[in-house]
C-alpha atoms as a PDB file:
ATOM      1  CA  MET A   1     159.672-147.262  58.237  1.00  0.00           C
ATOM      2  CA  ARG A   2     162.278-144.898  56.854  1.00  0.00           C
ATOM      3  CA  THR A   3     165.523-146.340  55.570  1.00  0.00           C
ATOM      4  CA  GLY A   4     168.433-145.257  53.414  1.00  0.00           C
ATOM      5  CA  PHE A   5     172.088-144.417  52.902  1.00  0.00           C
ATOM      6  CA  VAL A   6     173.346-141.197  54.466  1.00  0.00           C
ATOM      7  CA  ASN A   7     176.850-140.380  53.327  1.00  0.00           C
ATOM      8  CA  ILE A   8     179.183-137.801  54.872  1.00  0.00           C
ATOM      9  CA  PHE A   9     181.358-135.732  52.530  1.00  0.00           C
ATOM     10  CA  GLY A  10     183.888-133.009  53.166  1.00  0.00           C
ATOM     11  CA  ARG A  11     187.444-131.801  52.931  1.00  0.00           C
ATOM     12  CA  PRO A  12     190.209-133.532  54.912  1.00  0.00           C
ATOM     13  CA  ASN A  13     190.059-133.010  58.680  1.00  0.00           C
ATOM     14  CA  ALA A  14     186.551-131.530  58.699  1.00  0.00           C
ATOM     15  CA  GLY A  15     185.608-134.033  61.427  1.00  0.00           C
ATOM     16  CA  LYS A  16     183.709-136.628  59.372  1.00  0.00           C
ATOM     17  CA  SER A  17     184.887-139.631  61.400  1.00  0.00           C
ATOM     18  CA  THR A  18     184.139-137.933  64.715  1.00  0.00           C
ATOM     19  CA  LEU A  19     180.649-137.058  63.466  1.00  0.00           C
ATOM     20  CA  LEU A  20     179.982-140.620  62.300  1.00  0.00           C
ATOM     21  CA  ASN A  21     180.943-141.972  65.724  1.00  0.00           C
ATOM     22  CA  ALA A  22     178.741-139.390  67.444  1.00  0.00           C
ATOM     23  CA  LEU A  23     175.721-140.175  65.248  1.00  0.00           C
ATOM     24  CA  VAL A  24     175.802-143.935  65.908  1.00  0.00           C
ATOM     25  CA  GLY A  25     177.125-143.830  69.471  1.00  0.00           C
ATOM     26  CA  GLU A  26     179.976-146.229  68.670  1.00  0.00           C
ATOM     27  CA  LYS A  27     183.615-145.738  67.754  1.00  0.00           C
ATOM     28  CA  LEU A  28     183.763-147.315  64.314  1.00  0.00           C
ATOM     29  CA  ALA A  29     185.935-144.770  62.502  1.00  0.00           C
ATOM     30  CA  ILE A  30     189.424-143.942  63.738  1.00  0.00           C
ATOM     31  CA  VAL A  31     190.212-140.291  64.391  1.00  0.00           C
ATOM     32  CA  SER A  32     193.366-138.202  64.319  1.00  0.00           C
ATOM     33  CA  PRO A  33     194.261-134.500  64.052  1.00  0.00           C
ATOM     34  CA  LYS A  34     196.249-135.395  60.927  1.00  0.00           C
ATOM     35  CA  VAL A  35     194.569-135.145  57.519  1.00  0.00           C
ATOM     36  CA  GLN A  36     193.742-138.179  55.350  1.00  0.00           C
ATOM     37  CA  THR A  37     193.299-140.495  58.329  1.00  0.00           C
ATOM     38  CA  THR A  38     190.258-142.133  56.686  1.00  0.00           C
ATOM     39  CA  ARG A  39     191.208-144.230  53.656  1.00  0.00           C
ATOM     40  CA  HIS A  40     188.150-146.464  53.277  1.00  0.00           C
ATOM     41  CA  ARG A  41     184.426-145.977  53.129  1.00  0.00           C
ATOM     42  CA  ILE A  42     183.228-147.034  56.576  1.00  0.00           C
ATOM     43  CA  LYS A  43     179.552-147.902  56.975  1.00  0.00           C
ATOM     44  CA  ALA A  44     177.800-147.686  60.334  1.00  0.00           C
ATOM     45  CA  ILE A  45     174.247-149.004  60.671  1.00  0.00           C
ATOM     46  CA  LEU A  46     171.782-147.389  63.082  1.00  0.00           C
ATOM     47  CA  THR A  47     168.490-149.284  63.448  1.00  0.00           C
ATOM     48  CA  THR A  48     165.372-148.601  65.543  1.00  0.00           C
ATOM     49  CA  ALA A  49     161.741-149.628  65.203  1.00  0.00           C
ATOM     50  CA  ASP A  50     161.116-146.541  63.048  1.00  0.00           C
ATOM     51  CA  TYR A  51     164.193-146.244  60.835  1.00  0.00           C
ATOM     52  CA  GLN A  52     167.418-147.782  59.596  1.00  0.00           C
ATOM     53  CA  ILE A  53     170.203-145.414  58.575  1.00  0.00           C
ATOM     54  CA  ILE A  54     173.369-146.648  56.885  1.00  0.00           C
ATOM     55  CA  PHE A  55     175.857-143.859  57.535  1.00  0.00           C
ATOM     56  CA  SER A  56     179.087-143.734  55.544  1.00  0.00           C
ATOM     57  CA  ASP A  57     182.270-141.946  56.529  1.00  0.00           C
ATOM     58  CA  THR A  58     184.241-141.205  53.374  1.00  0.00           C
ATOM     59  CA  PRO A  59     187.862-140.128  52.796  1.00  0.00           C
ATOM     60  CA  GLY A  60     188.503-136.406  52.664  1.00  0.00           C
ATOM     61  CA  ILE A  61     188.236-135.167  49.096  1.00  0.00           C
ATOM     62  CA  ILE A  62     191.688-134.472  47.620  1.00  0.00           C
ATOM     63  CA  GLU A  63     193.495-134.325  44.284  1.00  0.00           C
ATOM     64  CA  PRO A  64     195.100-137.793  43.950  1.00  0.00           C
ATOM     65  CA  GLN A  65     198.894-138.022  43.979  1.00  0.00           C
ATOM     66  CA  TYR A  66     199.198-141.812  44.260  1.00  0.00           C
ATOM     67  CA  LYS A  67     197.151-144.816  43.228  1.00  0.00           C
ATOM     68  CA  LEU A  68     196.221-145.134  46.911  1.00  0.00           C
ATOM     69  CA  HIS A  69     194.591-141.691  46.676  1.00  0.00           C
ATOM     70  CA  GLU A  70     192.774-142.796  43.518  1.00  0.00           C
ATOM     71  CA  ARG A  71     191.300-145.733  45.463  1.00  0.00           C
ATOM     72  CA  MET A  72     190.246-143.348  48.215  1.00  0.00           C
ATOM     73  CA  MET A  73     188.483-141.039  45.764  1.00  0.00           C
ATOM     74  CA  HIS A  74     186.804-144.072  44.173  1.00  0.00           C
ATOM     75  CA  ALA A  75     185.259-144.754  47.593  1.00  0.00           C
ATOM     76  CA  VAL A  76     183.863-141.217  47.516  1.00  0.00           C
ATOM     77  CA  LYS A  77     182.429-141.797  44.030  1.00  0.00           C
ATOM     78  CA  ASN A  78     180.716-145.002  45.150  1.00  0.00           C
ATOM     79  CA  SER A  79     179.193-143.124  48.076  1.00  0.00           C
ATOM     80  CA  LEU A  80     177.753-140.547  45.692  1.00  0.00           C
ATOM     81  CA  GLU A  81     176.045-143.236  43.641  1.00  0.00           C
ATOM     82  CA  ASP A  82     174.006-144.816  46.450  1.00  0.00           C
ATOM     83  CA  ALA A  83     173.353-141.790  48.702  1.00  0.00           C
ATOM     84  CA  ASP A  84     169.759-141.021  49.692  1.00  0.00           C
ATOM     85  CA  VAL A  85     170.833-138.053  51.805  1.00  0.00           C
ATOM     86  CA  ALA A  86     174.179-136.240  51.832  1.00  0.00           C
ATOM     87  CA  VAL A  87     175.727-134.621  54.871  1.00  0.00           C
ATOM     88  CA  LEU A  88     178.205-131.958  53.734  1.00  0.00           C
ATOM     89  CA  LEU A  89     180.575-131.246  56.601  1.00  0.00           C
ATOM     90  CA  VAL A  90     182.440-127.956  56.926  1.00  0.00           C
ATOM     91  CA  ASP A  91     185.103-127.022  59.469  1.00  0.00           C
ATOM     92  CA  ALA A  92     183.880-123.627  60.685  1.00  0.00           C
ATOM     93  CA  GLY A  93     187.470-122.415  60.808  1.00  0.00           C
ATOM     94  CA  ASP A  94     188.191-123.183  57.152  1.00  0.00           C
ATOM     95  CA  ASN A  95     187.702-121.063  54.054  1.00  0.00           C
ATOM     96  CA  PRO A  96     184.071-121.644  52.973  1.00  0.00           C
ATOM     97  CA  GLU A  97     185.006-121.089  49.326  1.00  0.00           C
ATOM     98  CA  ASP A  98     187.171-124.223  49.431  1.00  0.00           C
ATOM     99  CA  ALA A  99     184.339-126.335  50.839  1.00  0.00           C
ATOM    100  CA  ASP A 100     181.880-124.839  48.352  1.00  0.00           C
ATOM    101  CA  GLY A 101     184.160-125.849  45.473  1.00  0.00           C
ATOM    102  CA  VAL A 102     184.207-129.440  46.729  1.00  0.00           C
ATOM    103  CA  PHE A 103     180.442-129.614  47.287  1.00  0.00           C
ATOM    104  CA  THR A 104     179.595-128.042  43.921  1.00  0.00           C
ATOM    105  CA  ALA A 105     181.850-130.553  42.139  1.00  0.00           C
ATOM    106  CA  LEU A 106     179.939-133.449  43.726  1.00  0.00           C
ATOM    107  CA  LYS A 107     176.885-132.552  41.571  1.00  0.00           C
ATOM    108  CA  LEU A 108     174.500-133.984  44.132  1.00  0.00           C
ATOM    109  CA  ARG A 109     171.058-135.196  43.114  1.00  0.00           C
ATOM    110  CA  VAL A 110     169.804-135.942  46.625  1.00  0.00           C
ATOM    111  CA  PRO A 111     168.817-133.764  49.612  1.00  0.00           C
ATOM    112  CA  ALA A 112     171.924-132.302  51.238  1.00  0.00           C
ATOM    113  CA  ILE A 113     172.365-131.002  54.768  1.00  0.00           C
ATOM    114  CA  VAL A 114     175.277-128.602  55.174  1.00  0.00           C
ATOM    115  CA  VAL A 115     176.714-129.089  58.656  1.00  0.00           C
ATOM    116  CA  LEU A 116     179.008-126.493  60.195  1.00  0.00           C
ATOM    117  CA  ASN A 117     181.318-128.358  62.556  1.00  0.00           C
ATOM    118  CA  LYS A 118     183.545-127.015  65.365  1.00  0.00           C
ATOM    119  CA  THR A 119     181.292-123.961  65.738  1.00  0.00           C
ATOM    120  CA  ASP A 120     182.185-123.832  69.422  1.00  0.00           C
ATOM    121  CA  ALA A 121     185.714-122.804  68.396  1.00  0.00           C
ATOM    122  CA  VAL A 122     184.720-119.682  66.395  1.00  0.00           C
ATOM    123  CA  LYS A 123     182.884-116.434  67.155  1.00  0.00           C
ATOM    124  CA  PRO A 124     179.077-116.215  66.709  1.00  0.00           C
ATOM    125  CA  ASP A 125     179.468-113.661  63.896  1.00  0.00           C
ATOM    126  CA  ARG A 126     181.581-116.190  61.991  1.00  0.00           C
ATOM    127  CA  VAL A 127     178.810-118.805  62.330  1.00  0.00           C
ATOM    128  CA  LYS A 128     176.219-116.345  61.003  1.00  0.00           C
ATOM    129  CA  GLU A 129     178.426-115.551  58.001  1.00  0.00           C
ATOM    130  CA  LEU A 130     178.831-119.239  57.207  1.00  0.00           C
ATOM    131  CA  GLU A 131     175.094-119.884  57.557  1.00  0.00           C
ATOM    132  CA  ALA A 132     174.322-117.062  55.142  1.00  0.00           C
ATOM    133  CA  PHE A 133     177.004-118.213  52.693  1.00  0.00           C
ATOM    134  CA  PHE A 134     175.880-121.848  52.491  1.00  0.00           C
ATOM    135  CA  SER A 135     172.135-121.150  52.721  1.00  0.00           C
ATOM    136  CA  ALA A 136     172.438-119.382  49.371  1.00  0.00           C
ATOM    137  CA  LYS A 137     173.907-122.470  47.670  1.00  0.00           C
ATOM    138  CA  PRO A 138     171.581-124.566  45.497  1.00  0.00           C
ATOM    139  CA  TYR A 139     172.792-127.880  46.965  1.00  0.00           C
ATOM    140  CA  ALA A 140     171.862-126.941  50.558  1.00  0.00           C
ATOM    141  CA  SER A 141     168.400-127.962  51.741  1.00  0.00           C
ATOM    142  CA  VAL A 142     169.252-126.756  55.257  1.00  0.00           C
ATOM    143  CA  VAL A 143     172.294-125.494  57.160  1.00  0.00           C
ATOM    144  CA  MET A 144     172.918-126.741  60.697  1.00  0.00           C
ATOM    145  CA  GLU A 145     175.693-126.376  63.259  1.00  0.00           C
ATOM    146  CA  VAL A 146     177.254-129.020  65.491  1.00  0.00           C
ATOM    147  CA  SER A 147     180.246-129.813  67.617  1.00  0.00           C
ATOM    148  CA  ALA A 148     180.848-133.445  66.670  1.00  0.00           C
ATOM    149  CA  LEU A 149     183.470-133.804  69.389  1.00  0.00           C
ATOM    150  CA  LYS A 150     181.151-132.585  72.163  1.00  0.00           C
ATOM    151  CA  GLY A 151     177.942-133.994  70.667  1.00  0.00           C
ATOM    152  CA  THR A 152     176.264-130.591  70.513  1.00  0.00           C
ATOM    153  CA  GLY A 153     173.625-130.419  67.773  1.00  0.00           C
ATOM    154  CA  VAL A 154     173.960-134.121  66.885  1.00  0.00           C
ATOM    155  CA  PRO A 155     170.380-135.108  67.964  1.00  0.00           C
ATOM    156  CA  GLU A 156     168.982-132.257  65.869  1.00  0.00           C
ATOM    157  CA  LEU A 157     171.065-133.361  62.885  1.00  0.00           C
ATOM    158  CA  LEU A 158     169.831-136.932  63.285  1.00  0.00           C
ATOM    159  CA  ALA A 159     166.219-135.713  63.275  1.00  0.00           C
ATOM    160  CA  ALA A 160     166.856-133.726  60.086  1.00  0.00           C
ATOM    161  CA  VAL A 161     168.374-136.802  58.432  1.00  0.00           C
ATOM    162  CA  ILE A 162     165.425-139.037  59.356  1.00  0.00           C
ATOM    163  CA  GLU A 163     162.986-136.458  57.998  1.00  0.00           C
ATOM    164  CA  ARG A 164     164.656-136.686  54.568  1.00  0.00           C
ATOM    165  CA  LEU A 165     164.914-140.477  54.350  1.00  0.00           C
ATOM    166  CA  PRO A 166     162.680-142.389  51.928  1.00  0.00           C
ATOM    167  CA  GLU A 167     160.282-145.042  53.173  1.00  0.00           C
ATOM    168  CA  GLY A 168     161.381-148.635  52.667  1.00  0.00           C
ATOM    169  CA  GLU A 169     162.406-151.956  54.135  1.00  0.00           C
ATOM    170  CA  PRO A 170     165.676-152.357  56.084  1.00  0.00           C
ATOM    171  CA  TYR A 171     168.783-153.391  54.173  1.00  0.00           C
ATOM    172  CA  PHE A 172     170.464-155.122  57.126  1.00  0.00           C
ATOM    173  CA  PRO A 173     169.367-157.207  60.147  1.00  0.00           C
ATOM    174  CA  GLY A 174     168.610-155.062  63.169  1.00  0.00           C
ATOM    175  CA  ASP A 175     171.564-156.296  65.229  1.00  0.00           C
ATOM    176  CA  GLU A 176     174.253-155.377  62.662  1.00  0.00           C
ATOM    177  CA  ILE A 177     176.223-152.177  63.229  1.00  0.00           C
ATOM    178  CA  THR A 178     178.534-152.417  60.196  1.00  0.00           C
ATOM    179  CA  ASP A 179     179.122-154.488  57.069  1.00  0.00           C
ATOM    180  CA  LEU A 180     182.902-154.634  57.570  1.00  0.00           C
ATOM    181  CA  PRO A 181     184.737-157.582  59.200  1.00  0.00           C
ATOM    182  CA  THR A 182     186.249-157.373  62.677  1.00  0.00           C
ATOM    183  CA  LYS A 183     189.767-157.737  61.227  1.00  0.00           C
ATOM    184  CA  PHE A 184     189.314-154.456  59.390  1.00  0.00           C
ATOM    185  CA  PHE A 185     188.665-152.524  62.607  1.00  0.00           C
ATOM    186  CA  VAL A 186     191.578-154.208  64.373  1.00  0.00           C
ATOM    187  CA  GLY A 187     193.913-153.006  61.618  1.00  0.00           C
ATOM    188  CA  GLU A 188     192.408-149.533  61.772  1.00  0.00           C
ATOM    189  CA  LEU A 189     192.971-149.282  65.526  1.00  0.00           C
ATOM    190  CA  VAL A 190     196.641-150.130  65.043  1.00  0.00           C
ATOM    191  CA  ARG A 191     196.849-147.524  62.276  1.00  0.00           C
ATOM    192  CA  GLU A 192     195.199-144.929  64.527  1.00  0.00           C
ATOM    193  CA  LYS A 193     197.980-145.392  67.081  1.00  0.00           C
ATOM    194  CA  ILE A 194     200.589-144.894  64.353  1.00  0.00           C
ATOM    195  CA  TYR A 195     198.990-141.538  63.576  1.00  0.00           C
ATOM    196  CA  GLN A 196     199.052-140.620  67.249  1.00  0.00           C
ATOM    197  CA  LEU A 197     202.559-141.802  68.146  1.00  0.00           C
ATOM    198  CA  TYR A 198     204.696-141.007  65.101  1.00  0.00           C
ATOM    199  CA  ALA A 199     205.770-137.840  63.292  1.00  0.00           C
ATOM    200  CA  GLU A 200     204.136-136.325  60.228  1.00  0.00           C
ATOM    201  CA  GLU A 201     205.695-138.456  57.482  1.00  0.00           C
ATOM    202  CA  ILE A 202     205.404-141.980  58.890  1.00  0.00           C
ATOM    203  CA  PRO A 203     201.590-142.458  59.064  1.00  0.00           C
ATOM    204  CA  TYR A 204     201.121-141.615  55.378  1.00  0.00           C
ATOM    205  CA  HIS A 205     203.681-144.198  54.301  1.00  0.00           C
ATOM    206  CA  THR A 206     202.225-147.079  56.324  1.00  0.00           C
ATOM    207  CA  ALA A 207     199.515-149.675  55.880  1.00  0.00           C
ATOM    208  CA  VAL A 208     198.369-152.240  58.436  1.00  0.00           C
ATOM    209  CA  VAL A 209     197.402-155.763  57.392  1.00  0.00           C
ATOM    210  CA  VAL A 210     195.973-158.255  59.895  1.00  0.00           C
ATOM    211  CA  GLN A 211     197.473-161.609  58.879  1.00  0.00           C
ATOM    212  CA  GLU A 212     196.095-163.719  61.706  1.00  0.00           C
ATOM    213  CA  PHE A 213     192.984-163.442  63.857  1.00  0.00           C
ATOM    214  CA  LYS A 214     192.561-166.627  65.879  1.00  0.00           C
ATOM    215  CA  GLU A 215     190.005-166.928  68.679  1.00  0.00           C
ATOM    216  CA  LYS A 216     190.990-169.208  71.553  1.00  0.00           C
ATOM    217  CA  SER A 217     189.139-170.069  74.738  1.00  0.00           C
ATOM    218  CA  ASP A 218     190.778-167.388  76.892  1.00  0.00           C
ATOM    219  CA  LEU A 219     192.020-164.802  74.372  1.00  0.00           C
ATOM    220  CA  ILE A 220     192.274-163.773  70.720  1.00  0.00           C
ATOM    221  CA  LYS A 221     195.632-164.067  68.980  1.00  0.00           C
ATOM    222  CA  ILE A 222     196.277-161.310  66.459  1.00  0.00           C
ATOM    223  CA  ARG A 223     199.244-160.945  64.133  1.00  0.00           C
ATOM    224  CA  ALA A 224     199.500-157.740  62.136  1.00  0.00           C
ATOM    225  CA  GLU A 225     202.040-156.407  59.663  1.00  0.00           C
ATOM    226  CA  ILE A 226     202.855-152.732  59.368  1.00  0.00           C
ATOM    227  CA  VAL A 227     203.969-151.997  55.823  1.00  0.00           C
ATOM    228  CA  VAL A 228     206.363-149.141  55.083  1.00  0.00           C
ATOM    229  CA  GLN A 229     208.172-147.957  51.949  1.00  0.00           C
ATOM    230  CA  ARG A 230     211.784-147.632  53.138  1.00  0.00           C
ATOM    231  CA  GLU A 231     214.218-149.238  55.575  1.00  0.00           C
ATOM    232  CA  THR A 232     214.682-145.906  57.344  1.00  0.00           C
ATOM    233  CA  GLN A 233     210.941-145.818  58.066  1.00  0.00           C
ATOM    234  CA  LYS A 234     211.149-149.330  59.495  1.00  0.00           C
ATOM    235  CA  GLY A 235     213.874-148.151  61.851  1.00  0.00           C
ATOM    236  CA  ILE A 236     211.738-145.212  63.000  1.00  0.00           C
ATOM    237  CA  LEU A 237     208.745-147.491  63.634  1.00  0.00           C
ATOM    238  CA  LEU A 238     210.807-149.959  65.638  1.00  0.00           C
ATOM    239  CA  GLY A 239     212.722-147.347  67.622  1.00  0.00           C
ATOM    240  CA  GLU A 240     215.918-147.949  69.537  1.00  0.00           C
ATOM    241  CA  GLY A 241     215.861-151.468  70.931  1.00  0.00           C
ATOM    242  CA  GLY A 242     212.275-151.893  69.681  1.00  0.00           C
ATOM    243  CA  GLN A 243     210.936-149.436  72.255  1.00  0.00           C
ATOM    244  CA  LYS A 244     208.691-147.489  69.859  1.00  0.00           C
ATOM    245  CA  ILE A 245     206.885-150.492  68.427  1.00  0.00           C
ATOM    246  CA  LYS A 246     206.506-151.888  71.943  1.00  0.00           C
ATOM    247  CA  ALA A 247     204.740-148.679  72.996  1.00  0.00           C
ATOM    248  CA  LEU A 248     202.613-148.875  69.849  1.00  0.00           C
ATOM    249  CA  GLY A 249     201.607-152.454  70.685  1.00  0.00           C
ATOM    250  CA  ILE A 250     200.654-151.559  74.264  1.00  0.00           C
ATOM    251  CA  ALA A 251     198.491-148.628  73.148  1.00  0.00           C
ATOM    252  CA  ALA A 252     196.841-150.590  70.327  1.00  0.00           C
ATOM    253  CA  ARG A 253     196.183-153.634  72.510  1.00  0.00           C
ATOM    254  CA  LYS A 254     194.281-151.531  75.042  1.00  0.00           C
ATOM    255  CA  ASP A 255     191.901-150.140  72.421  1.00  0.00           C
ATOM    256  CA  ILE A 256     191.479-153.452  70.593  1.00  0.00           C
ATOM    257  CA  GLU A 257     190.572-155.241  73.834  1.00  0.00           C
ATOM    258  CA  ALA A 258     187.977-152.556  74.585  1.00  0.00           C
ATOM    259  CA  PHE A 259     186.574-152.878  71.055  1.00  0.00           C
ATOM    260  CA  LEU A 260     186.422-156.703  71.100  1.00  0.00           C
ATOM    261  CA  GLY A 261     185.498-157.077  74.759  1.00  0.00           C
ATOM    262  CA  SER A 262     188.161-159.765  75.098  1.00  0.00           C
ATOM    263  CA  LYS A 263     191.785-160.258  76.089  1.00  0.00           C
ATOM    264  CA  ILE A 264     194.146-160.349  73.111  1.00  0.00           C
ATOM    265  CA  PHE A 265     197.708-161.350  72.311  1.00  0.00           C
ATOM    266  CA  LEU A 266     199.010-158.875  69.738  1.00  0.00           C
ATOM    267  CA  GLU A 267     202.123-159.353  67.605  1.00  0.00           C
ATOM    268  CA  LEU A 268     203.303-156.526  65.355  1.00  0.00           C
ATOM    269  CA  PHE A 269     205.851-156.884  62.558  1.00  0.00           C
ATOM    270  CA  VAL A 270     207.236-154.305  60.123  1.00  0.00           C
ATOM    271  CA  LYS A 271     207.691-155.112  56.443  1.00  0.00           C
ATOM    272  CA  VAL A 272     209.316-152.920  53.780  1.00  0.00           C
ATOM    273  CA  ARG A 273     207.456-152.781  50.450  1.00  0.00           C
ATOM    274  CA  PRO A 274     208.889-150.008  48.230  1.00  0.00           C
ATOM    275  CA  LYS A 275     206.318-147.727  46.572  1.00  0.00           C
ATOM    276  CA  TRP A 276     203.360-149.784  47.811  1.00  0.00           C
ATOM    277  CA  ARG A 277     201.078-146.744  47.447  1.00  0.00           C
ATOM    278  CA  ASP A 278     201.490-146.937  43.656  1.00  0.00           C
ATOM    279  CA  ASN A 279     201.392-150.734  43.289  1.00  0.00           C
ATOM    280  CA  ASP A 280     198.021-152.094  42.114  1.00  0.00           C
ATOM    281  CA  LEU A 281     198.666-155.645  43.334  1.00  0.00           C
ATOM    282  CA  LEU A 282     199.809-154.558  46.789  1.00  0.00           C
ATOM    283  CA  LEU A 283     196.929-152.095  47.150  1.00  0.00           C
ATOM    284  CA  LYS A 284     194.469-154.881  46.412  1.00  0.00           C
ATOM    285  CA  GLU A 285     196.250-157.191  48.877  1.00  0.00           C
ATOM    286  CA  TYR A 286     195.985-154.518  51.561  1.00  0.00           C
ATOM    287  CA  GLY A 287     192.247-154.084  51.038  1.00  0.00           C
ATOM    288  CA  TYR A 288     192.204-151.014  48.788  1.00  0.00           C
ATOM    289  CA  GLU A 289     189.965-152.303  46.027  1.00  0.00           C
END
């Protein structure tokens, strides 16, 4: 049996979360067109009779500006330490020099597959140029192309990953699909809707903390707090007469019910915590170890 950790690295908005979901056939990582949507390392476990792969979606690699960013980059560092195979994801529309700088700085010691994503959105000549550019890099064992959103090339990528896995015993029981608690994914689904429904500034200043998750006979009661930095941001989240947060709750409830397979009662509250992104105690409280 082949088993190991396969960790996905790349610049912000390369499509790492979409690729993770496509590889495991489940929506475990939230997605958004906005950069820095992923803040945690999210593990997804894919098990068959022949292999167990623990995929990790990691935050986009950035230069930290806040302690929150430092926590995010620490998640990337941890992923480097236990990787058996690295998937290096490149947006085919981006400058390859930028991606190369990120990948070179990782100083990988494991087999790496360079994956050109969103190749359906660029001309064939562009794809050939990128293949030639990355094939010449010492960290690339192979260069492949995919469309993570459409699923094109994903089976071939999975086969290439399995081929490079070491032999060994499984790390997790066969029925587990992640090592993270359900509450984590509930909070992430609320945060995803914030990215979708609010303007550029608001999502980056918010955190979502699930304070209550109580299973009853006919539904699950969930109470979540949305943390912001300023009173003005609270007003934007609530909207006039509470209409914006009501719309947020309706959209989030739909996705959470689909994820849990159960009816839920969702309560959302907004709390102001100034400069929470630079506060060690608050970051720990909100799950950013």
